[in-house]
C-alpha cells in the first residue's frame, strides 16, 4: 500500500508540473524567427484551403472526412466560427453554404429554452429561443471531437470568436434580444461588437471564457478576436484605386477602398483579447491571439500587446512589408471576390508568402455538405476552390518547409530588376535565396539579382506542377547576375551558394 501511495504522489506531482508548464507541442510564435510559428517543436508555416467556417455548427457536415482531406492535400489549417455568428441560405450569394445550416441542424454553444419564437423557426425544437445562461453539452462534445480530429491530422484551427454582422446577420444572432430569454439590450447591429452593447458584453465574456476553458487542452489552435471588424465599424475609408471610384462599383465599393477599423471596435477587441489572456493565465496553455486588421493592407498603429498574430483579408504583399518591423507573424486568412480561377488564388498565396507572410488560408467553396472531400464543381459563390488548387497550395507549403525557416527573411534588394515579370525574394542571410516570379507579358523575362561573389546553383520550379524546369550553375564576379527566364510560367527559383 505504501508503494501505491508513493507512486500516486509521484504521478500527481507529474501532472501538477505538466499543468504548470503546459504542452511543449503547442502552436506558438517561433523564438528563433518571430515571423513564423513553431508547432510540435518544429519551425512551421500555416497554409490551407478550407470550408466556410461552419464545420462544427452545421451538424450535417462530416468534419472527419473534411479534416482527412485537408491533411491528404498537404494543408494544415482551417477556420472555425464557433457560434456567435452564422449565416442563412443565400447570404452573400453562396449556395451550399456550410455556415448556413438547416434550422434543425444548427448547433450552438447555448442551450435552447422552452420558449418558442426563435426567428429562424424549424422543427424538433429549432423554433425555441436560446438561454444564454446555459450551455449546450452536445455542441461542446462536437467541438472537442472536431479538435481531436484536427490534431490527429496536424491541422491548426483558427477559432474566430466573433464576426461583424453585416446588418442582416444580427436578426438571427443568439445575442439579439428577440432570440434569447435573457433580456439582452435592444441595440443596432453595428453596436454589437463594441463596448456600447449594454449587458450583451457580459454574455460575450461568458462565451469567450467558456470556449477558452474547453479548448485550452489542445495544442493546435489560435484565437482570432473578430472577423472583419471594419465591416460594421470603420473610422477612415481611404481610396485604394483612384481609377476605380466608388460610384462606379455600387454595392462593391469596398473593393476600391481601404477600410480602417474604428477605435470603438479596437477598444472592444482589446477587452476580448484581455478575457482570453486572463482566462488562460490560470490554465496550462497560453495560445496565440490573432487580430484581423483590415482588407488589403494597413500599417498597424498602436498594436495590442496581447496580440501576437496580425491577419488581413484579400491581402496584398504590402500588408507584410508594412508590418514586418513589428516582429510578429502576418497572415492572409480569407480570399475571395476575385473570380474562381485557380491561378488567381495560387498567385496570391505565393506573392504573400514570398513577401514574408506566415499564414495563407484560402476560402474553398468546393467543400459542402455531401462534398466534404472538396470535389464539388457546381458551387455558386463569390470565390473559388478545387482539388487542383489545394494540391498547388500543398506544393507551396512543401516547398517552403524545405527552406531555412529559422533564418529566412524578405530581401527585396536582392531583385534589382525583373524586366517582363514581377518578383518577390527571400534569403537566409547565408547561402540560400528563393525568388518567386510571375510573367506579365507573353515574352521572355529576366531577373537581375544582386548576390555576393561566388559560385551558385539555381533550380527553377514550376509552382503549378512542382516540376523542376531547369537547373543551372553560374558564378558572380561583381555584384550582379542576370538570369534568363524563357519559360512563360509562374516559377520559383532556389539559389544555393556552393
Protein backbone atom coordinates (compact mmCIF):
# COMPACT_ATOMS: atom_id res chain seq x y z
CA UNK A 1 0.00 0.00 0.00
CA UNK A 2 2.88 2.33 0.88
CA UNK A 3 4.36 1.89 -2.62
CA UNK A 4 1.00 2.60 -4.23
CA UNK A 5 0.68 5.84 -2.27
CA UNK A 6 4.22 6.89 -3.22
CA UNK A 7 3.53 6.12 -6.88
CA UNK A 8 0.27 8.06 -6.72
CA UNK A 9 2.05 11.04 -5.17
CA UNK A 10 4.73 10.99 -7.85
CA UNK A 11 2.09 10.77 -10.57
CA UNK A 12 0.15 13.65 -9.04
CA UNK A 13 3.34 15.69 -8.95
CA UNK A 14 3.99 14.96 -12.61
CA UNK A 15 0.50 16.12 -13.58
CA UNK A 16 0.90 19.28 -11.49
CA UNK A 17 4.24 20.10 -13.09
CA UNK A 18 2.82 19.42 -16.53
CA UNK A 19 -0.15 21.71 -15.83
CA UNK A 20 2.17 24.49 -14.74
CA UNK A 21 4.42 24.29 -17.78
CA UNK A 22 1.81 23.48 -20.45
CA UNK A 23 2.34 21.44 -23.59
CA UNK A 24 5.67 21.64 -25.35
CA UNK A 25 3.98 20.88 -28.70
CA UNK A 26 1.78 23.99 -28.56
CA UNK A 27 1.44 26.22 -31.62
CA UNK A 28 3.45 29.32 -30.74
CA UNK A 29 5.38 32.17 -32.30
CA UNK A 30 8.90 30.99 -33.08
CA UNK A 31 11.51 32.28 -30.65
CA UNK A 32 14.15 31.85 -33.37
CA UNK A 33 12.26 33.69 -36.12
CA UNK A 34 9.18 35.51 -34.77
CA UNK A 35 7.77 35.97 -38.27
CA UNK A 36 6.89 32.26 -38.31
CA UNK A 37 5.48 29.67 -35.94
CA UNK A 38 6.65 26.65 -34.01
CA UNK A 39 4.43 23.57 -33.75
CA UNK A 40 5.40 20.27 -32.16
CA UNK A 41 8.89 21.67 -31.72
CA UNK A 42 9.46 22.44 -35.42
CA UNK A 43 9.51 25.70 -37.41
CA UNK A 44 6.09 25.94 -39.05
CA UNK A 45 4.17 27.99 -41.56
CA UNK A 46 0.42 27.70 -41.99
CA UNK A 47 -1.22 27.16 -45.38
CA UNK A 48 -4.74 25.95 -46.07
CA UNK A 49 -7.83 25.91 -48.27
CA UNK A 50 -10.87 25.28 -46.15
CA UNK A 51 -14.65 25.27 -45.96
CA UNK A 52 -16.72 28.32 -45.00
CA UNK A 53 -16.19 28.03 -41.23
CA UNK A 54 -19.29 26.00 -40.32
CA UNK A 55 -17.79 22.54 -39.75
CA UNK A 56 -18.95 22.39 -36.13
CA UNK A 57 -22.15 24.44 -36.01
CA UNK A 58 -23.53 22.54 -39.03
CA UNK A 59 -24.48 19.08 -37.73
CA UNK A 60 -24.87 17.78 -41.28
CA UNK A 61 -21.20 18.40 -42.09
CA UNK A 62 -18.85 15.39 -41.91
CA UNK A 63 -15.78 17.04 -40.41
CA UNK A 64 -13.82 13.80 -40.12
CA UNK A 65 -13.76 13.34 -43.88
CA UNK A 66 -13.05 17.05 -44.33
CA UNK A 67 -10.05 17.15 -41.99
CA UNK A 68 -8.64 13.98 -43.50
CA UNK A 69 -8.93 15.61 -46.94
CA UNK A 70 -7.00 18.71 -45.84
CA UNK A 71 -4.24 16.52 -44.46
CA UNK A 72 -4.05 14.39 -47.59
CA UNK A 73 -3.74 17.55 -49.68
CA UNK A 74 -0.75 18.63 -47.61
CA UNK A 75 -2.53 21.52 -45.87
CA UNK A 76 -2.59 22.40 -42.18
CA UNK A 77 -5.22 24.99 -41.27
CA UNK A 78 -8.97 25.53 -41.14
CA UNK A 79 -11.00 28.46 -39.88
CA UNK A 80 -13.91 27.92 -37.48
CA UNK A 81 -16.78 30.19 -36.39
CA UNK A 82 -17.90 28.72 -33.05
CA UNK A 83 -21.39 30.23 -32.89
CA UNK A 84 -21.65 33.97 -32.23
CA UNK A 85 -22.16 34.50 -35.95
CA UNK A 86 -23.57 32.27 -38.68
CA UNK A 87 -25.49 32.79 -41.90
CA UNK A 88 -28.73 31.85 -43.60
CA UNK A 89 -29.00 30.20 -47.03
CA UNK A 90 -28.33 32.61 -49.88
CA UNK A 91 -26.29 35.09 -47.86
CA UNK A 92 -23.51 36.73 -49.92
CA UNK A 93 -24.65 34.76 -52.96
CA UNK A 94 -23.30 31.49 -51.54
CA UNK A 95 -25.11 28.29 -52.41
CA UNK A 96 -24.40 25.15 -50.34
CA UNK A 97 -23.04 27.37 -47.57
CA UNK A 98 -21.62 25.29 -44.71
CA UNK A 99 -22.06 28.31 -42.42
CA UNK A 100 -25.81 28.32 -43.14
CA UNK A 101 -27.15 25.00 -41.80
CA UNK A 102 -30.75 23.88 -41.87
CA UNK A 103 -32.54 25.21 -38.75
CA UNK A 104 -32.83 21.70 -37.29
CA UNK A 105 -29.09 21.10 -37.82
CA UNK A 106 -27.85 24.30 -36.19
CA UNK A 107 -25.61 23.53 -33.19
CA UNK A 108 -24.56 26.45 -31.00
CA UNK A 109 -22.84 26.78 -27.60
CA UNK A 110 -26.06 27.77 -25.81
CA UNK A 111 -28.91 25.53 -24.75
CA UNK A 112 -32.41 26.07 -26.07
CA UNK A 113 -35.09 27.29 -23.70
CA UNK A 114 -38.67 26.02 -23.61
CA UNK A 115 -39.95 29.27 -25.13
CA UNK A 116 -40.80 29.30 -28.85
CA UNK A 117 -40.12 32.32 -31.02
CA UNK A 118 -36.63 31.95 -32.46
CA UNK A 119 -36.67 33.94 -35.68
CA UNK A 120 -35.47 31.13 -37.98
CA UNK A 121 -38.06 28.66 -36.70
CA UNK A 122 -37.76 25.00 -37.56
CA UNK A 123 -38.86 21.58 -36.34
CA UNK A 124 -37.81 19.46 -33.36
CA UNK A 125 -37.19 22.38 -31.02
CA UNK A 126 -35.34 24.55 -33.53
CA UNK A 127 -38.01 27.23 -33.06
CA UNK A 128 -37.14 27.71 -29.37
CA UNK A 129 -35.18 30.72 -28.17
CA UNK A 130 -31.72 30.40 -26.64
CA UNK A 131 -30.89 30.52 -22.94
CA UNK A 132 -27.54 32.33 -22.78
CA UNK A 133 -27.06 31.26 -19.16
CA UNK A 134 -26.91 27.55 -20.03
CA UNK A 135 -24.50 25.63 -22.24
CA UNK A 136 -25.30 23.05 -24.89
CA UNK A 137 -23.34 19.93 -23.89
CA UNK A 138 -23.86 18.29 -27.29
CA UNK A 139 -22.24 21.26 -29.00
CA UNK A 140 -19.12 21.13 -26.83
CA UNK A 141 -18.83 17.38 -27.37
CA UNK A 142 -18.86 18.01 -31.13
CA UNK A 143 -16.39 20.90 -30.82
CA UNK A 144 -13.86 18.95 -28.77
CA UNK A 145 -14.17 15.91 -31.03
CA UNK A 146 -13.50 18.19 -34.01
CA UNK A 147 -10.38 19.49 -32.29
CA UNK A 148 -9.16 15.95 -31.56
CA UNK A 149 -9.62 15.00 -35.20
CA UNK A 150 -7.82 18.14 -36.34
CA UNK A 151 -4.91 17.43 -34.01
CA UNK A 152 -4.72 13.86 -35.31
CA UNK A 153 -4.35 15.21 -38.84
CA UNK A 154 -1.93 18.02 -37.85
CA UNK A 155 -4.47 20.68 -38.79
CA UNK A 156 -4.30 24.03 -36.99
CA UNK A 157 -7.70 25.56 -36.15
CA UNK A 158 -8.38 29.28 -36.13
CA UNK A 159 -11.12 29.85 -33.55
CA UNK A 160 -12.76 33.07 -34.76
CA UNK A 161 -14.64 34.16 -31.66
CA UNK A 162 -16.81 36.88 -33.22
CA UNK A 163 -17.68 38.42 -36.56
CA UNK A 164 -19.26 41.58 -37.86
CA UNK A 165 -22.96 41.06 -38.52
CA UNK A 166 -23.14 42.97 -41.83
CA UNK A 167 -26.54 44.34 -40.80
CA UNK A 168 -28.73 41.39 -41.80
CA UNK A 169 -26.81 38.83 -39.72
CA UNK A 170 -27.92 40.36 -36.44
CA UNK A 171 -31.58 39.39 -36.97
CA UNK A 172 -30.92 35.70 -36.22
CA UNK A 173 -28.00 36.10 -33.77
CA UNK A 174 -28.40 34.47 -30.34
CA UNK A 175 -27.26 37.70 -28.61
CA UNK A 176 -30.17 39.57 -30.25
CA UNK A 177 -32.91 40.28 -27.70
CA UNK A 178 -35.52 38.67 -29.97
CA UNK A 179 -33.72 35.31 -29.95
CA UNK A 180 -32.98 34.68 -26.27
CA UNK A 181 -34.83 34.65 -22.95
CA UNK A 182 -32.17 36.60 -21.05
CA UNK A 183 -33.31 40.16 -21.65
CA UNK A 184 -30.30 41.36 -23.62
CA UNK A 185 -30.25 45.01 -24.63
CA UNK A 186 -32.12 46.07 -27.76
CA UNK A 187 -29.34 47.53 -29.93
CA UNK A 188 -28.45 48.18 -33.54
CA UNK A 189 -26.31 45.55 -35.25
CA UNK A 190 -23.31 47.86 -35.62
CA UNK A 191 -23.08 48.26 -31.83
CA UNK A 192 -23.00 44.52 -31.08
CA UNK A 193 -19.20 44.23 -31.05
CA UNK A 194 -18.42 47.48 -29.25
CA UNK A 195 -18.26 48.48 -25.57
CA UNK A 196 -21.68 50.11 -26.08
CA UNK A 197 -23.78 46.96 -26.25
CA UNK A 198 -25.23 47.03 -22.73
CA UNK A 199 -25.49 43.71 -20.91
CA UNK A 200 -24.60 41.80 -24.07
CA UNK A 201 -20.97 42.40 -23.11
CA UNK A 202 -21.40 40.15 -20.06
CA UNK A 203 -22.77 37.29 -22.14
CA UNK A 204 -19.99 37.76 -24.69
CA UNK A 205 -17.40 37.46 -21.93
CA UNK A 206 -19.01 34.30 -20.56
CA UNK A 207 -19.00 32.79 -24.07
CA UNK A 208 -15.32 33.61 -24.64
CA UNK A 209 -14.18 32.29 -21.28
CA UNK A 210 -16.16 29.07 -21.73
CA UNK A 211 -14.58 28.42 -25.14
CA UNK A 212 -11.12 29.19 -23.80
CA UNK A 213 -11.54 26.73 -20.93
CA UNK A 214 -12.93 23.98 -23.13
CA UNK A 215 -10.19 24.33 -25.74
CA UNK A 216 -7.18 25.02 -23.55
CA UNK A 217 -6.03 21.40 -23.65
CA UNK A 218 -5.48 21.43 -27.42
CA UNK A 219 -2.13 22.49 -28.93
CA UNK A 220 -3.40 23.03 -32.48
CA UNK A 221 -5.26 26.32 -32.34
CA UNK A 222 -5.12 30.07 -32.08
CA UNK A 223 -7.88 32.51 -31.17
CA UNK A 224 -8.91 35.27 -33.56
CA UNK A 225 -10.86 38.06 -31.90
CA UNK A 226 -13.24 39.08 -34.67
CA UNK A 227 -13.78 38.50 -38.35
CA UNK A 228 -13.79 41.69 -40.45
CA UNK A 229 -14.41 44.25 -37.68
CA UNK A 230 -14.13 47.04 -40.25
CA UNK A 231 -17.34 45.88 -41.94
CA UNK A 232 -19.50 47.16 -39.06
CA UNK A 233 -17.16 49.75 -37.54
CA UNK A 234 -14.92 51.98 -39.63
CA UNK A 235 -13.40 55.39 -38.90
CA UNK A 236 -11.45 56.01 -42.08
CA UNK A 237 -12.03 54.80 -45.59
CA UNK A 238 -9.17 55.59 -47.98
CA UNK A 239 -9.40 55.36 -51.74
CA UNK A 240 -7.42 52.31 -52.77
CA UNK A 241 -7.71 52.78 -56.51
CA UNK A 242 -8.45 56.27 -57.84
CA UNK A 243 -9.24 54.78 -61.26
CA UNK A 244 -11.98 52.59 -59.80
CA UNK A 245 -14.19 55.12 -57.97
CA UNK A 246 -16.85 54.01 -55.55
CA UNK A 247 -19.70 55.46 -57.58
CA UNK A 248 -18.82 53.04 -60.39
CA UNK A 249 -18.73 49.89 -58.29
CA UNK A 250 -22.02 50.50 -56.42
CA UNK A 251 -22.61 47.65 -53.93
CA UNK A 252 -18.98 46.52 -54.21
CA UNK A 253 -17.45 49.86 -53.22
CA UNK A 254 -15.30 48.11 -50.61
CA UNK A 255 -13.24 46.62 -53.44
CA UNK A 256 -11.96 50.09 -54.28
CA UNK A 257 -11.31 51.25 -50.72
CA UNK A 258 -9.09 50.54 -47.76
CA UNK A 259 -11.36 50.25 -44.72
CA UNK A 260 -9.84 51.07 -41.32
CA UNK A 261 -11.32 49.75 -38.08
CA UNK A 262 -12.97 52.29 -35.76
CA UNK A 263 -11.40 52.91 -32.37
CA UNK A 264 -14.58 51.88 -30.57
CA UNK A 265 -14.16 48.46 -32.19
CA UNK A 266 -10.48 48.34 -31.24
CA UNK A 267 -11.41 49.17 -27.63
CA UNK A 268 -13.84 46.23 -27.57
CA UNK A 269 -11.33 43.92 -29.25
CA UNK A 270 -8.76 44.76 -26.57
CA UNK A 271 -11.31 43.67 -23.97
CA UNK A 272 -11.88 40.37 -25.74
CA UNK A 273 -8.14 39.72 -26.02
CA UNK A 274 -7.90 40.55 -22.32
CA UNK A 275 -10.55 37.96 -21.48
CA UNK A 276 -8.62 35.28 -23.37
CA UNK A 277 -5.34 36.30 -21.76
CA UNK A 278 -6.83 36.44 -18.28
CA UNK A 279 -8.68 33.12 -18.55
CA UNK A 280 -5.60 31.30 -19.82
CA UNK A 281 -3.34 32.82 -17.15
CA UNK A 282 -4.55 30.17 -14.70
CA UNK A 283 -4.62 27.35 -17.27
CA UNK A 284 -1.81 25.10 -18.53
CA UNK A 285 -1.57 26.54 -22.06
CA UNK A 286 -1.37 30.06 -23.42
CA UNK A 287 -2.43 30.27 -27.06
CA UNK A 288 -1.73 32.81 -29.78
CA UNK A 289 -4.26 35.64 -30.04
CA UNK A 290 -4.84 36.99 -33.54
CA UNK A 291 -6.38 40.25 -34.73
CA UNK A 292 -7.98 40.78 -38.14
CA UNK A 293 -6.69 44.22 -39.14
CA UNK A 294 -8.24 45.30 -42.45
CA UNK A 295 -8.87 44.41 -46.05
CA UNK A 296 -5.89 44.60 -48.44
CA UNK A 297 -3.17 46.18 -46.26
CA UNK A 298 -2.57 48.70 -43.49
CA UNK A 299 0.50 49.81 -41.48
CA UNK A 300 -0.67 48.85 -38.00
CA UNK A 301 -0.75 51.63 -35.40
CA UNK A 302 -0.78 51.03 -31.63
CA UNK A 303 -0.78 47.20 -31.71
CA UNK A 304 -2.37 45.41 -28.76
CA UNK A 305 0.45 43.74 -26.74
CA UNK A 306 -1.83 40.72 -26.15
CA UNK A 307 -1.97 40.10 -29.91
CA UNK A 308 0.85 38.12 -31.48
CA UNK A 309 -0.57 37.44 -34.98
CA UNK A 310 -1.99 40.02 -37.39
CA UNK A 311 -4.24 38.93 -40.27
CA UNK A 312 -5.68 40.59 -43.38
CA UNK A 313 -8.36 39.67 -45.91
CA UNK A 314 -7.86 39.90 -49.69
CA UNK A 315 -4.33 40.88 -48.77
CA UNK A 316 -1.54 42.42 -50.80
CA UNK A 317 2.11 41.52 -50.15
CA UNK A 318 2.33 45.11 -48.93
CA UNK A 319 0.50 44.01 -45.75
CA UNK A 320 3.58 42.01 -44.76
CA UNK A 321 6.12 44.60 -45.81
CA UNK A 322 4.39 47.44 -43.94
CA UNK A 323 4.32 45.47 -40.69
CA UNK A 324 7.44 43.33 -40.78
CA UNK A 325 9.14 45.69 -38.32
CA UNK A 326 6.68 44.62 -35.61
CA UNK A 327 8.50 41.29 -35.34
CA UNK A 328 5.32 39.16 -35.38
CA UNK A 329 3.70 36.81 -37.90
CA UNK A 330 1.43 38.34 -40.53
CA UNK A 331 -1.31 36.26 -42.16
CA UNK A 332 -3.76 36.30 -45.09
CA UNK A 333 -6.72 34.34 -43.74
CA UNK A 334 -9.53 34.86 -46.24
CA UNK A 335 -9.60 35.05 -50.02
CA UNK A 336 -12.45 35.54 -52.46
CA UNK A 337 -14.36 38.06 -54.58
CA UNK A 338 -11.78 37.66 -57.35
CA UNK A 339 -13.43 35.02 -59.51
CA UNK A 340 -12.91 31.28 -59.29
CA UNK A 341 -9.71 30.67 -61.26
CA UNK A 342 -7.08 28.57 -59.51
CA UNK A 343 -4.19 30.71 -60.72
CA UNK A 344 -5.66 33.85 -59.10
CA UNK A 345 -5.53 32.39 -55.60
CA UNK A 346 -2.34 30.40 -56.14
CA UNK A 347 -0.58 33.62 -57.15
CA UNK A 348 -1.97 35.46 -54.15
CA UNK A 349 -0.53 32.74 -51.93
CA UNK A 350 2.95 32.74 -53.47
CA UNK A 351 3.18 36.54 -53.50
CA UNK A 352 2.15 36.82 -49.88
CA UNK A 353 4.33 34.03 -48.53
CA UNK A 354 7.40 35.16 -50.51
CA UNK A 355 6.91 38.67 -49.13
CA UNK A 356 7.47 37.16 -45.68
CA UNK A 357 3.95 36.06 -44.73
CA UNK A 358 3.46 33.32 -42.15
CA UNK A 359 -0.07 32.17 -42.97
CA UNK A 360 -2.31 31.82 -46.03
CA UNK A 361 -5.82 30.37 -45.87
CA UNK A 362 -7.99 30.19 -48.98
CA UNK A 363 -11.78 30.12 -48.64
CA UNK A 364 -12.67 26.97 -50.60
CA UNK A 365 -16.25 26.61 -51.81
CA UNK A 366 -15.70 23.13 -53.25
CA UNK A 367 -16.43 21.86 -49.72
CA UNK A 368 -20.09 21.47 -48.80
CA UNK A 369 -22.43 19.06 -47.05
CA UNK A 370 -22.13 15.82 -49.01
CA UNK A 371 -18.90 17.01 -50.64
CA UNK A 372 -16.58 17.01 -47.64
CA UNK A 373 -13.79 15.76 -49.91
CA UNK A 374 -13.84 19.14 -51.65
CA UNK A 375 -14.95 17.78 -55.00
CA UNK A 376 -18.00 19.96 -55.66
CA UNK A 377 -17.58 21.65 -59.05
CA UNK A 378 -21.14 23.03 -59.29
CA UNK A 379 -20.98 25.55 -56.45
CA UNK A 380 -22.06 29.17 -56.88
CA UNK A 381 -20.14 31.54 -54.63
CA UNK A 382 -18.01 34.70 -54.69
CA UNK A 383 -14.74 32.79 -54.80
CA UNK A 384 -13.02 29.60 -55.85
CA UNK A 385 -11.76 26.27 -54.65
CA UNK A 386 -10.89 22.91 -56.18
CA UNK A 387 -8.91 19.73 -55.76
CA UNK A 388 -6.29 21.11 -58.14
CA UNK A 389 -5.86 24.36 -56.22
CA UNK A 390 -5.43 22.52 -52.93
CA UNK A 391 -2.71 20.37 -54.48
CA UNK A 392 -0.98 23.53 -55.72
CA UNK A 393 -1.16 25.15 -52.29
CA UNK A 394 0.16 21.91 -50.81
CA UNK A 395 3.16 22.22 -53.13
CA UNK A 396 3.76 25.75 -51.84
CA UNK A 397 3.75 24.52 -48.25
CA UNK A 398 6.01 21.58 -49.07
CA UNK A 399 8.44 23.82 -50.96
CA UNK A 400 8.73 26.41 -48.22
CA UNK A 401 9.13 23.83 -45.47
CA UNK A 402 12.33 22.71 -47.18
CA UNK A 403 13.80 26.19 -46.74
CA UNK A 404 15.74 27.51 -43.76
CA UNK A 405 12.70 28.97 -41.96
CA UNK A 406 14.68 29.81 -38.85
CA UNK A 407 16.76 32.37 -40.77
CA UNK A 408 14.52 33.20 -43.74
CA UNK A 409 13.89 36.92 -44.31
CA UNK A 410 12.46 39.02 -47.17
CA UNK A 411 15.14 40.52 -49.37
CA UNK A 412 13.59 42.92 -51.87
CA UNK A 413 17.02 44.44 -52.54
CA UNK A 414 18.20 41.11 -53.97
CA UNK A 415 15.99 41.59 -57.04
CA UNK A 416 17.49 44.65 -58.72
CA UNK A 417 15.16 44.38 -61.71
CA UNK A 418 12.79 41.90 -63.33
CA UNK A 419 12.03 43.09 -66.89
CA UNK A 420 8.83 41.46 -68.14
CA UNK A 421 7.86 39.98 -64.77
CA UNK A 422 7.18 40.76 -61.14
CA UNK A 423 9.18 39.09 -58.40
CA UNK A 424 9.49 38.64 -54.65
CA UNK A 425 12.58 37.32 -52.90
CA UNK A 426 13.79 35.95 -49.56
CA UNK A 427 17.12 34.74 -48.20
CA UNK A 428 18.57 33.13 -45.09
CA UNK A 429 21.41 35.62 -44.69
CA UNK A 430 23.98 32.98 -45.59
CA UNK A 431 23.81 30.76 -48.62
CA UNK A 432 20.19 30.40 -49.68
CA UNK A 433 17.96 32.68 -51.79
CA UNK A 434 14.46 31.96 -53.05
CA UNK A 435 12.67 34.12 -55.63
CA UNK A 436 9.14 33.83 -56.97
CA UNK A 437 8.45 35.34 -60.39
CA UNK A 438 5.30 35.85 -62.48
CA UNK A 439 5.49 36.81 -66.17
CA UNK A 440 3.45 39.89 -67.05
CA UNK A 441 3.62 39.56 -70.82
CA UNK A 442 3.87 36.84 -73.46
CA UNK A 443 7.62 37.19 -73.78
CA UNK A 444 10.81 36.04 -72.15
CA UNK A 445 11.69 37.75 -68.90
CA UNK A 446 14.82 38.37 -66.88
CA UNK A 447 15.93 38.54 -63.29
CA UNK A 448 18.74 40.90 -62.38
CA UNK A 449 20.00 39.82 -58.96
CA UNK A 450 22.44 41.30 -56.52
CA UNK A 451 24.49 38.48 -54.99
CA UNK A 452 27.84 38.21 -53.21
CA UNK A 453 30.83 36.99 -55.20
CA UNK A 454 30.94 33.22 -55.52
CA UNK A 455 29.64 30.13 -57.27
CA UNK A 456 25.95 29.25 -57.31
CA UNK A 457 23.40 26.67 -58.35
CA UNK A 458 19.85 27.74 -59.34
CA UNK A 459 16.89 25.35 -59.51
CA UNK A 460 13.80 26.63 -61.36
CA UNK A 461 10.48 25.01 -60.33
CA UNK A 462 7.02 25.34 -61.88
CA UNK A 463 4.76 26.37 -58.97
CA UNK A 464 1.65 24.86 -60.57
CA UNK A 465 3.04 21.35 -61.07
CA UNK A 466 6.08 21.19 -58.79
CA UNK A 467 8.13 20.15 -61.84
CA UNK A 468 11.82 21.06 -61.88
CA UNK A 469 12.05 23.10 -65.09
CA UNK A 470 15.81 23.59 -65.21
CA UNK A 471 18.97 23.73 -63.13
CA UNK A 472 21.98 25.88 -63.85
CA UNK A 473 25.26 26.84 -62.25
CA UNK A 474 26.90 30.23 -62.50
CA UNK A 475 29.47 32.50 -60.91
CA UNK A 476 29.21 36.09 -59.72
CA UNK A 477 32.39 38.09 -60.16
CA UNK A 478 30.97 41.54 -59.49
CA UNK A 479 27.77 42.23 -57.57
CA UNK A 480 25.04 41.46 -60.10
CA UNK A 481 23.92 38.49 -62.14
CA UNK A 482 21.33 38.35 -64.93
CA UNK A 483 19.27 35.16 -65.23
CA UNK A 484 17.16 34.46 -68.31
CA UNK A 485 13.67 33.00 -67.97
CA UNK A 486 12.47 31.59 -71.27
CA UNK A 487 9.58 29.68 -69.68
CA UNK A 488 6.44 31.80 -69.60
CA UNK A 489 5.06 30.28 -66.41
CA UNK A 490 4.99 31.18 -62.74
CA UNK A 491 8.28 29.91 -61.31
CA UNK A 492 10.17 29.80 -58.05
CA UNK A 493 13.96 29.79 -58.12
CA UNK A 494 16.08 28.46 -55.28
CA UNK A 495 19.67 29.69 -55.40
CA UNK A 496 22.32 27.97 -53.30
CA UNK A 497 25.81 29.34 -52.82
CA UNK A 498 28.25 26.50 -53.40
